[in-house]
Amino acid sequence: MSKLPYTKKYPERKIVLEEDGWEIKVYDKYVMMDRKGFEELLRRGRFYGLYSRVTGLDN
């Protein structure tokens, strides 16, 4: 999973969903996580609005 080239401008905040064991790295409003976790959070409606860009989604 590649990092966004401009993430160093923003402080990194980690959100850990303890009940699920997923760790989401948040750079400002940009989110990096794997596709399975992203789809699962969308399915549950628990993405907390942090979805400006998700990396690692190969179409």
PDB file of N, CA and C in Angstrom:
ATOM      1  N   MET A   1       0.859  -1.187   0.000  1.00  0.00           N
ATOM      2  CA  MET A   1       0.000   0.000   0.000  1.00  0.00           C
ATOM      3  C   MET A   1       0.894   1.235   0.000  1.00  0.00           C
ATOM      4  N   SER A   2       0.802   2.038  -1.034  1.00  0.00           N
ATOM      5  CA  SER A   2       1.665   3.202  -1.160  1.00  0.00           C
ATOM      6  C   SER A   2       1.120   4.367  -0.354  1.00  0.00           C
ATOM      7  N   LYS A   3       2.043   5.185   0.107  1.00  0.00           N
ATOM      8  CA  LYS A   3       1.626   6.356   0.874  1.00  0.00           C
ATOM      9  C   LYS A   3       1.366   7.516  -0.067  1.00  0.00           C
ATOM     10  N   LEU A   4       0.518   8.418   0.365  1.00  0.00           N
ATOM     11  CA  LEU A   4       0.274   9.624  -0.409  1.00  0.00           C
ATOM     12  C   LEU A   4       1.515  10.501  -0.349  1.00  0.00           C
ATOM     13  N   PRO A   5       1.865  11.184  -1.437  1.00  0.00           N
ATOM     14  CA  PRO A   5       3.124  11.939  -1.467  1.00  0.00           C
ATOM     15  C   PRO A   5       3.112  13.190  -0.596  1.00  0.00           C
ATOM     16  N   TYR A   6       1.951  13.643  -0.194  1.00  0.00           N
ATOM     17  CA  TYR A   6       1.857  14.916   0.528  1.00  0.00           C
ATOM     18  C   TYR A   6       1.464  14.726   1.982  1.00  0.00           C
ATOM     19  N   THR A   7       1.633  13.528   2.500  1.00  0.00           N
ATOM     20  CA  THR A   7       1.166  13.297   3.860  1.00  0.00           C
ATOM     21  C   THR A   7       2.077  13.916   4.906  1.00  0.00           C
ATOM     22  N   LYS A   8       3.326  14.203   4.569  1.00  0.00           N
ATOM     23  CA  LYS A   8       4.245  14.732   5.567  1.00  0.00           C
ATOM     24  C   LYS A   8       3.845  16.124   6.037  1.00  0.00           C
ATOM     25  N   LYS A   9       2.978  16.789   5.294  1.00  0.00           N
ATOM     26  CA  LYS A   9       2.521  18.114   5.704  1.00  0.00           C
ATOM     27  C   LYS A   9       1.586  18.034   6.899  1.00  0.00           C
ATOM     28  N   TYR A  10       0.979  16.884   7.091  1.00  0.00           N
ATOM     29  CA  TYR A  10      -0.080  16.776   8.088  1.00  0.00           C
ATOM     30  C   TYR A  10       0.361  15.885   9.234  1.00  0.00           C
ATOM     31  N   PRO A  11      -0.075  16.191  10.442  1.00  0.00           N
ATOM     32  CA  PRO A  11       0.221  15.300  11.567  1.00  0.00           C
ATOM     33  C   PRO A  11      -0.515  13.976  11.392  1.00  0.00           C
ATOM     34  N   GLU A  12       0.137  12.918  11.798  1.00  0.00           N
ATOM     35  CA  GLU A  12      -0.476  11.597  11.674  1.00  0.00           C
ATOM     36  C   GLU A  12      -1.271  11.282  12.927  1.00  0.00           C
ATOM     37  N   ARG A  13      -2.515  10.908  12.740  1.00  0.00           N
ATOM     38  CA  ARG A  13      -3.353  10.505  13.866  1.00  0.00           C
ATOM     39  C   ARG A  13      -3.792   9.076  13.617  1.00  0.00           C
ATOM     40  N   LYS A  14      -3.607   8.230  14.606  1.00  0.00           N
ATOM     41  CA  LYS A  14      -4.011   6.844  14.441  1.00  0.00           C
ATOM     42  C   LYS A  14      -5.309   6.606  15.188  1.00  0.00           C
ATOM     43  N   ILE A  15      -6.250   5.976  14.514  1.00  0.00           N
ATOM     44  CA  ILE A  15      -7.518   5.612  15.121  1.00  0.00           C
ATOM     45  C   ILE A  15      -7.568   4.093  15.160  1.00  0.00           C
ATOM     46  N   VAL A  16      -7.667   3.535  16.337  1.00  0.00           N
ATOM     47  CA  VAL A  16      -7.733   2.087  16.460  1.00  0.00           C
ATOM     48  C   VAL A  16      -9.129   1.705  16.927  1.00  0.00           C
ATOM     49  N   LEU A  17      -9.805   0.911  16.110  1.00  0.00           N
ATOM     50  CA  LEU A  17     -11.111   0.400  16.502  1.00  0.00           C
ATOM     51  C   LEU A  17     -10.866  -0.883  17.278  1.00  0.00           C
ATOM     52  N   GLU A  18     -10.866  -0.762  18.599  1.00  0.00           N
ATOM     53  CA  GLU A  18     -10.388  -1.868  19.420  1.00  0.00           C
ATOM     54  C   GLU A  18     -11.254  -3.116  19.271  1.00  0.00           C
ATOM     55  N   GLU A  19     -12.551  -2.930  19.073  1.00  0.00           N
ATOM     56  CA  GLU A  19     -13.415  -4.101  18.971  1.00  0.00           C
ATOM     57  C   GLU A  19     -13.151  -4.883  17.691  1.00  0.00           C
ATOM     58  N   ASP A  20     -12.558  -4.209  16.709  1.00  0.00           N
ATOM     59  CA  ASP A  20     -12.293  -4.863  15.433  1.00  0.00           C
ATOM     60  C   ASP A  20     -10.810  -5.125  15.215  1.00  0.00           C
ATOM     61  N   GLY A  21      -9.968  -4.382  15.922  1.00  0.00           N
ATOM     62  CA  GLY A  21      -8.535  -4.554  15.766  1.00  0.00           C
ATOM     63  C   GLY A  21      -7.965  -3.885  14.530  1.00  0.00           C
ATOM     64  N   TRP A  22      -8.735  -3.002  13.882  1.00  0.00           N
ATOM     65  CA  TRP A  22      -8.224  -2.285  12.716  1.00  0.00           C
ATOM     66  C   TRP A  22      -7.533  -1.024  13.165  1.00  0.00           C
ATOM     67  N   GLU A  23      -6.468  -0.693  12.495  1.00  0.00           N
ATOM     68  CA  GLU A  23      -5.796   0.575  12.734  1.00  0.00           C
ATOM     69  C   GLU A  23      -5.908   1.425  11.481  1.00  0.00           C
ATOM     70  N   ILE A  24      -6.453   2.617  11.641  1.00  0.00           N
ATOM     71  CA  ILE A  24      -6.596   3.531  10.518  1.00  0.00           C
ATOM     72  C   ILE A  24      -5.621   4.673  10.734  1.00  0.00           C
ATOM     73  N   LYS A  25      -4.746   4.902   9.767  1.00  0.00           N
ATOM     74  CA  LYS A  25      -3.848   6.036   9.849  1.00  0.00           C
ATOM     75  C   LYS A  25      -4.506   7.209   9.138  1.00  0.00           C
ATOM     76  N   VAL A  26      -4.693   8.283   9.860  1.00  0.00           N
ATOM     77  CA  VAL A  26      -5.371   9.440   9.289  1.00  0.00           C
ATOM     78  C   VAL A  26      -4.368  10.566   9.121  1.00  0.00           C
ATOM     79  N   TYR A  27      -4.214  11.052   7.907  1.00  0.00           N
ATOM     80  CA  TYR A  27      -3.396  12.209   7.633  1.00  0.00           C
ATOM     81  C   TYR A  27      -4.354  13.326   7.264  1.00  0.00           C
ATOM     82  N   ASP A  28      -4.560  14.257   8.211  1.00  0.00           N
ATOM     83  CA  ASP A  28      -5.556  15.286   8.002  1.00  0.00           C
ATOM     84  C   ASP A  28      -6.864  14.584   7.684  1.00  0.00           C
ATOM     85  N   LYS A  29      -7.410  14.742   6.491  1.00  0.00           N
ATOM     86  CA  LYS A  29      -8.653  14.053   6.175  1.00  0.00           C
ATOM     87  C   LYS A  29      -8.427  12.919   5.181  1.00  0.00           C
ATOM     88  N   TYR A  30      -7.179  12.544   4.995  1.00  0.00           N
ATOM     89  CA  TYR A  30      -6.880  11.456   4.072  1.00  0.00           C
ATOM     90  C   TYR A  30      -6.665  10.177   4.860  1.00  0.00           C
ATOM     91  N   VAL A  31      -7.207   9.100   4.366  1.00  0.00           N
ATOM     92  CA  VAL A  31      -7.203   7.848   5.112  1.00  0.00           C
ATOM     93  C   VAL A  31      -6.445   6.787   4.331  1.00  0.00           C
ATOM     94  N   MET A  32      -5.645   6.013   5.068  1.00  0.00           N
ATOM     95  CA  MET A  32      -4.977   4.884   4.447  1.00  0.00           C
ATOM     96  C   MET A  32      -5.400   3.624   5.178  1.00  0.00           C
ATOM     97  N   MET A  33      -5.948   2.696   4.475  1.00  0.00           N
ATOM     98  CA  MET A  33      -6.296   1.416   5.067  1.00  0.00           C
ATOM     99  C   MET A  33      -6.481   0.413   3.941  1.00  0.00           C
ATOM    100  N   ASP A  34      -6.599  -0.847   4.302  1.00  0.00           N
ATOM    101  CA  ASP A  34      -6.756  -1.835   3.247  1.00  0.00           C
ATOM    102  C   ASP A  34      -8.201  -1.873   2.759  1.00  0.00           C
ATOM    103  N   ARG A  35      -8.373  -2.490   1.597  1.00  0.00           N
ATOM    104  CA  ARG A  35      -9.687  -2.472   0.951  1.00  0.00           C
ATOM    105  C   ARG A  35     -10.727  -3.213   1.772  1.00  0.00           C
ATOM    106  N   LYS A  36     -10.341  -4.330   2.367  1.00  0.00           N
ATOM    107  CA  LYS A  36     -11.310  -5.107   3.137  1.00  0.00           C
ATOM    108  C   LYS A  36     -11.837  -4.298   4.315  1.00  0.00           C
ATOM    109  N   GLY A  37     -10.936  -3.645   5.038  1.00  0.00           N
ATOM    110  CA  GLY A  37     -11.360  -2.831   6.177  1.00  0.00           C
ATOM    111  C   GLY A  37     -12.232  -1.673   5.738  1.00  0.00           C
ATOM    112  N   PHE A  38     -11.870  -1.045   4.604  1.00  0.00           N
ATOM    113  CA  PHE A  38     -12.648   0.068   4.078  1.00  0.00           C
ATOM    114  C   PHE A  38     -14.063  -0.372   3.727  1.00  0.00           C
ATOM    115  N   GLU A  39     -14.172  -1.487   3.014  1.00  0.00           N
ATOM    116  CA  GLU A  39     -15.498  -1.964   2.618  1.00  0.00           C
ATOM    117  C   GLU A  39     -16.326  -2.373   3.826  1.00  0.00           C
ATOM    118  N   GLU A  40     -15.676  -2.966   4.821  1.00  0.00           N
ATOM    119  CA  GLU A  40     -16.401  -3.379   6.015  1.00  0.00           C
ATOM    120  C   GLU A  40     -16.918  -2.171   6.789  1.00  0.00           C
ATOM    121  N   LEU A  41     -16.079  -1.137   6.890  1.00  0.00           N
ATOM    122  CA  LEU A  41     -16.529   0.061   7.600  1.00  0.00           C
ATOM    123  C   LEU A  41     -17.673   0.738   6.858  1.00  0.00           C
ATOM    124  N   LEU A  42     -17.600   0.759   5.531  1.00  0.00           N
ATOM    125  CA  LEU A  42     -18.705   1.342   4.774  1.00  0.00           C
ATOM    126  C   LEU A  42     -19.978   0.530   4.976  1.00  0.00           C
ATOM    127  N   ARG A  43     -19.823  -0.788   5.012  1.00  0.00           N
ATOM    128  CA  ARG A  43     -20.990  -1.642   5.187  1.00  0.00           C
ATOM    129  C   ARG A  43     -21.635  -1.372   6.542  1.00  0.00           C
ATOM    130  N   ARG A  44     -20.806  -1.158   7.536  1.00  0.00           N
ATOM    131  CA  ARG A  44     -21.336  -0.890   8.869  1.00  0.00           C
ATOM    132  C   ARG A  44     -21.757   0.558   9.055  1.00  0.00           C
ATOM    133  N   GLY A  45     -21.390   1.417   8.102  1.00  0.00           N
ATOM    134  CA  GLY A  45     -21.701   2.833   8.251  1.00  0.00           C
ATOM    135  C   GLY A  45     -20.897   3.478   9.362  1.00  0.00           C
ATOM    136  N   ARG A  46     -19.647   3.014   9.542  1.00  0.00           N
ATOM    137  CA  ARG A  46     -18.849   3.506  10.655  1.00  0.00           C
ATOM    138  C   ARG A  46     -17.534   4.078  10.166  1.00  0.00           C
ATOM    139  N   PHE A  47     -17.564   4.765   9.046  1.00  0.00           N
ATOM    140  CA  PHE A  47     -16.321   5.300   8.497  1.00  0.00           C
ATOM    141  C   PHE A  47     -16.019   6.692   9.037  1.00  0.00           C
ATOM    142  N   TYR A  48     -16.888   7.256   9.851  1.00  0.00           N
ATOM    143  CA  TYR A  48     -16.685   8.533  10.547  1.00  0.00           C
ATOM    144  C   TYR A  48     -16.406   9.702   9.607  1.00  0.00           C
ATOM    145  N   GLY A  49     -16.776   9.580   8.332  1.00  0.00           N
ATOM    146  CA  GLY A  49     -16.609  10.696   7.414  1.00  0.00           C
ATOM    147  C   GLY A  49     -15.184  10.939   6.975  1.00  0.00           C
ATOM    148  N   LEU A  50     -14.261  10.051   7.300  1.00  0.00           N
ATOM    149  CA  LEU A  50     -12.863  10.264   6.926  1.00  0.00           C
ATOM    150  C   LEU A  50     -12.584   9.547   5.615  1.00  0.00           C
ATOM    151  N   TYR A  51     -13.113  10.054   4.505  1.00  0.00           N
ATOM    152  CA  TYR A  51     -12.988   9.308   3.258  1.00  0.00           C
ATOM    153  C   TYR A  51     -12.669  10.170   2.060  1.00  0.00           C
ATOM    154  N   SER A  52     -11.878  11.224   2.242  1.00  0.00           N
ATOM    155  CA  SER A  52     -11.554  12.043   1.088  1.00  0.00           C
ATOM    156  C   SER A  52     -10.779  11.248   0.042  1.00  0.00           C
ATOM    157  N   ARG A  53      -9.856  10.409   0.524  1.00  0.00           N
ATOM    158  CA  ARG A  53      -9.128   9.570  -0.425  1.00  0.00           C
ATOM    159  C   ARG A  53      -8.659   8.317   0.287  1.00  0.00           C
ATOM    160  N   VAL A  54      -8.854   7.204  -0.345  1.00  0.00           N
ATOM    161  CA  VAL A  54      -8.400   5.942   0.214  1.00  0.00           C
ATOM    162  C   VAL A  54      -7.397   5.343  -0.755  1.00  0.00           C
ATOM    163  N   THR A  55      -6.252   4.948  -0.225  1.00  0.00           N
ATOM    164  CA  THR A  55      -5.231   4.361  -1.090  1.00  0.00           C
ATOM    165  C   THR A  55      -5.311   2.854  -1.023  1.00  0.00           C
ATOM    166  N   GLY A  56      -4.652   2.219  -1.963  1.00  0.00           N
ATOM    167  CA  GLY A  56      -4.609   0.768  -1.978  1.00  0.00           C
ATOM    168  C   GLY A  56      -5.817   0.141  -2.643  1.00  0.00           C
ATOM    169  N   LEU A  57      -6.640   0.956  -3.298  1.00  0.00           N
ATOM    170  CA  LEU A  57      -7.801   0.402  -3.996  1.00  0.00           C
ATOM    171  C   LEU A  57      -7.460   0.280  -5.474  1.00  0.00           C
ATOM    172  N   ASP A  58      -7.037  -0.902  -5.865  1.00  0.00           N
ATOM    173  CA  ASP A  58      -6.697  -1.137  -7.261  1.00  0.00           C
ATOM    174  C   ASP A  58      -7.939  -1.592  -8.002  1.00  0.00           C
ATOM    175  N   ASN A  59      -8.366  -0.796  -8.963  1.00  0.00           N
ATOM    176  CA  ASN A  59      -9.577  -1.148  -9.706  1.00  0.00           C
ATOM    177  C   ASN A  59      -9.236  -2.068 -10.866  1.00  0.00           C
TER     178      ASN A  59
END
